[in-house]
Amino acid sequence: LLNSFIEKPSSNKISELQPYQKNIELKAIVIRKVEQFKTKSNNIITKALIADASGSMFANFFDEIGESISEGDILYINNAYMTLYKDSPVLYQGKQCIVLKIGEFFFPFKISPN
């Protein structure tokens, strides 16, 4: 089952995402975990810099998923959405979002545009 996600080409590239786009599917590598913070409803949000071959952006992951990702993890993300926060694009894990670790370290990526 995991091999099907590894081999499947992703529908989206980071550089092509649009503000307020929904149903985003992509593969990206975690460049670094930036920070963790707690919401008023006691959820833990992990902010991470992710990248693919087209560029990079910040992504927010909730609770266990955010805590379990590490720098160098290659993720398959499906059904995410993007918004703007302080005029910068941020990818969010939606309620129906799937985030799977499909590998480590070996993934072509580009840090800019960010």
C-alpha atoms as a PDB file:
ATOM      1  CA  LEU A   1       0.000   0.000   0.000  1.00  0.00           C
ATOM      2  CA  LEU A   2       2.779   2.436   0.893  1.00  0.00           C
ATOM      3  CA  ASN A   3       4.479   1.751  -2.454  1.00  0.00           C
ATOM      4  CA  SER A   4       1.393   3.024  -4.269  1.00  0.00           C
ATOM      5  CA  PHE A   5       1.828   6.430  -2.577  1.00  0.00           C
ATOM      6  CA  ILE A   6       5.583   6.470  -3.246  1.00  0.00           C
ATOM      7  CA  GLU A   7       5.170   5.765  -6.959  1.00  0.00           C
ATOM      8  CA  LYS A   8       2.076   7.923  -7.517  1.00  0.00           C
ATOM      9  CA  PRO A   9       2.887  11.326  -9.030  1.00  0.00           C
ATOM     10  CA  SER A  10       1.423  14.165  -6.983  1.00  0.00           C
ATOM     11  CA  SER A  11      -1.247  16.413  -8.489  1.00  0.00           C
ATOM     12  CA  ASN A  12       0.234  19.671  -7.207  1.00  0.00           C
ATOM     13  CA  LYS A  13       3.576  21.423  -6.940  1.00  0.00           C
ATOM     14  CA  ILE A  14       4.331  23.973  -4.239  1.00  0.00           C
ATOM     15  CA  SER A  15       5.174  26.733  -6.744  1.00  0.00           C
ATOM     16  CA  GLU A  16       1.787  26.320  -8.448  1.00  0.00           C
ATOM     17  CA  LEU A  17      -0.414  26.521  -5.336  1.00  0.00           C
ATOM     18  CA  GLN A  18      -2.895  29.390  -5.129  1.00  0.00           C
ATOM     19  CA  PRO A  19      -4.177  31.209  -2.033  1.00  0.00           C
ATOM     20  CA  TYR A  20      -7.255  29.500  -0.553  1.00  0.00           C
ATOM     21  CA  GLN A  21      -6.800  26.431  -2.760  1.00  0.00           C
ATOM     22  CA  LYS A  22      -8.342  23.239  -1.347  1.00  0.00           C
ATOM     23  CA  ASN A  23      -7.910  19.502  -1.936  1.00  0.00           C
ATOM     24  CA  ILE A  24      -4.152  19.843  -2.335  1.00  0.00           C
ATOM     25  CA  GLU A  25      -2.137  16.701  -2.964  1.00  0.00           C
ATOM     26  CA  LEU A  26       1.653  16.820  -2.961  1.00  0.00           C
ATOM     27  CA  LYS A  27       4.884  15.151  -1.946  1.00  0.00           C
ATOM     28  CA  ALA A  28       7.391  17.213   0.004  1.00  0.00           C
ATOM     29  CA  ILE A  29      10.413  16.892   2.238  1.00  0.00           C
ATOM     30  CA  VAL A  30      10.515  18.410   5.721  1.00  0.00           C
ATOM     31  CA  ILE A  31      13.433  20.852   5.685  1.00  0.00           C
ATOM     32  CA  ARG A  32      13.064  21.928   9.310  1.00  0.00           C
ATOM     33  CA  LYS A  33      10.597  22.088  12.134  1.00  0.00           C
ATOM     34  CA  VAL A  34      10.300  25.769  12.963  1.00  0.00           C
ATOM     35  CA  GLU A  35       8.176  25.909  16.102  1.00  0.00           C
ATOM     36  CA  GLN A  36       5.392  24.301  18.103  1.00  0.00           C
ATOM     37  CA  PHE A  37       2.610  26.123  19.890  1.00  0.00           C
ATOM     38  CA  LYS A  38      -0.665  25.356  21.627  1.00  0.00           C
ATOM     39  CA  THR A  39      -4.017  26.718  20.497  1.00  0.00           C
ATOM     40  CA  LYS A  40      -6.755  27.926  22.823  1.00  0.00           C
ATOM     41  CA  SER A  41      -8.448  24.537  22.336  1.00  0.00           C
ATOM     42  CA  ASN A  42      -5.247  22.756  23.498  1.00  0.00           C
ATOM     43  CA  ASN A  43      -4.251  21.465  20.068  1.00  0.00           C
ATOM     44  CA  ILE A  44      -0.535  21.424  19.356  1.00  0.00           C
ATOM     45  CA  ILE A  45       0.455  22.935  16.017  1.00  0.00           C
ATOM     46  CA  THR A  46       3.848  22.228  14.498  1.00  0.00           C
ATOM     47  CA  LYS A  47       5.066  24.726  11.914  1.00  0.00           C
ATOM     48  CA  ALA A  48       7.510  23.212   9.410  1.00  0.00           C
ATOM     49  CA  LEU A  49       9.298  24.349   6.282  1.00  0.00           C
ATOM     50  CA  ILE A  50       8.552  21.861   3.493  1.00  0.00           C
ATOM     51  CA  ALA A  51       9.850  21.752  -0.082  1.00  0.00           C
ATOM     52  CA  ASP A  52       9.478  19.943  -3.376  1.00  0.00           C
ATOM     53  CA  ALA A  53      11.343  20.286  -6.687  1.00  0.00           C
ATOM     54  CA  SER A  54       9.465  23.527  -7.461  1.00  0.00           C
ATOM     55  CA  GLY A  55       9.900  25.503  -4.217  1.00  0.00           C
ATOM     56  CA  SER A  56       9.237  25.684  -0.494  1.00  0.00           C
ATOM     57  CA  MET A  57       6.607  26.919   1.940  1.00  0.00           C
ATOM     58  CA  PHE A  58       5.539  26.674   5.544  1.00  0.00           C
ATOM     59  CA  ALA A  59       3.024  24.037   6.620  1.00  0.00           C
ATOM     60  CA  ASN A  60       1.125  23.602   9.874  1.00  0.00           C
ATOM     61  CA  PHE A  61       0.540  20.091  11.174  1.00  0.00           C
ATOM     62  CA  PHE A  62      -1.736  19.252  14.088  1.00  0.00           C
ATOM     63  CA  ASP A  63      -1.140  17.206  17.223  1.00  0.00           C
ATOM     64  CA  GLU A  64       0.371  13.726  16.724  1.00  0.00           C
ATOM     65  CA  ILE A  65       1.178  14.236  13.055  1.00  0.00           C
ATOM     66  CA  GLY A  66       3.157  17.382  13.788  1.00  0.00           C
ATOM     67  CA  GLU A  67       4.960  15.770  16.677  1.00  0.00           C
ATOM     68  CA  SER A  68       5.864  12.665  14.649  1.00  0.00           C
ATOM     69  CA  ILE A  69       7.430  14.373  11.615  1.00  0.00           C
ATOM     70  CA  SER A  70      11.183  14.947  11.519  1.00  0.00           C
ATOM     71  CA  GLU A  71      13.579  16.896   9.359  1.00  0.00           C
ATOM     72  CA  GLY A  72      14.371  14.834   6.273  1.00  0.00           C
ATOM     73  CA  ASP A  73      11.011  13.010   6.241  1.00  0.00           C
ATOM     74  CA  ILE A  74       9.404  12.741   2.821  1.00  0.00           C
ATOM     75  CA  LEU A  75       5.652  13.222   3.158  1.00  0.00           C
ATOM     76  CA  TYR A  76       2.684  12.408   0.972  1.00  0.00           C
ATOM     77  CA  ILE A  77      -0.003  14.984   1.793  1.00  0.00           C
ATOM     78  CA  ASN A  78      -3.543  14.694   0.452  1.00  0.00           C
ATOM     79  CA  ASN A  79      -6.601  16.908   0.995  1.00  0.00           C
ATOM     80  CA  ALA A  80      -4.713  19.837   2.513  1.00  0.00           C
ATOM     81  CA  TYR A  81      -5.562  23.494   1.949  1.00  0.00           C
ATOM     82  CA  MET A  82      -3.631  26.724   1.656  1.00  0.00           C
ATOM     83  CA  THR A  83      -4.333  30.120   3.176  1.00  0.00           C
ATOM     84  CA  LEU A  84      -2.402  33.327   3.640  1.00  0.00           C
ATOM     85  CA  TYR A  85      -1.066  34.252   7.055  1.00  0.00           C
ATOM     86  CA  LYS A  86       0.500  37.715   7.236  1.00  0.00           C
ATOM     87  CA  ASP A  87       0.608  37.715   3.414  1.00  0.00           C
ATOM     88  CA  SER A  88       2.586  34.462   3.295  1.00  0.00           C
ATOM     89  CA  PRO A  89       1.212  31.149   1.999  1.00  0.00           C
ATOM     90  CA  VAL A  90       0.771  28.401   4.594  1.00  0.00           C
ATOM     91  CA  LEU A  91      -0.328  24.827   3.947  1.00  0.00           C
ATOM     92  CA  TYR A  92      -2.758  23.383   6.498  1.00  0.00           C
ATOM     93  CA  GLN A  93      -3.723  19.839   7.279  1.00  0.00           C
ATOM     94  CA  GLY A  94      -7.512  19.637   6.944  1.00  0.00           C
ATOM     95  CA  LYS A  95      -9.795  17.382   8.968  1.00  0.00           C
ATOM     96  CA  GLN A  96      -9.888  14.791   6.181  1.00  0.00           C
ATOM     97  CA  CYS A  97      -6.216  15.265   5.307  1.00  0.00           C
ATOM     98  CA  ILE A  98      -3.876  12.304   4.922  1.00  0.00           C
ATOM     99  CA  VAL A  99      -0.231  12.800   5.864  1.00  0.00           C
ATOM    100  CA  LEU A 100       2.011   9.771   5.342  1.00  0.00           C
ATOM    101  CA  LYS A 101       5.752   9.427   5.728  1.00  0.00           C
ATOM    102  CA  ILE A 102       6.864   7.723   2.524  1.00  0.00           C
ATOM    103  CA  GLY A 103      10.635   8.007   2.853  1.00  0.00           C
ATOM    104  CA  GLU A 104      13.633   9.863   4.211  1.00  0.00           C
ATOM    105  CA  PHE A 105      16.312  12.203   2.861  1.00  0.00           C
ATOM    106  CA  PHE A 106      16.458  11.343  -0.848  1.00  0.00           C
ATOM    107  CA  PHE A 107      14.113  13.816  -2.514  1.00  0.00           C
ATOM    108  CA  PRO A 108      14.900  16.605  -4.982  1.00  0.00           C
ATOM    109  CA  PHE A 109      13.870  19.976  -3.597  1.00  0.00           C
ATOM    110  CA  LYS A 110      14.296  23.685  -4.098  1.00  0.00           C
ATOM    111  CA  ILE A 111      14.282  26.159  -1.199  1.00  0.00           C
ATOM    112  CA  SER A 112      13.120  29.137  -3.287  1.00  0.00           C
ATOM    113  CA  PRO A 113      10.648  30.528  -4.124  1.00  0.00           C
ATOM    114  CA  ASN A 114       9.454  30.655  -0.571  1.00  0.00           C
END
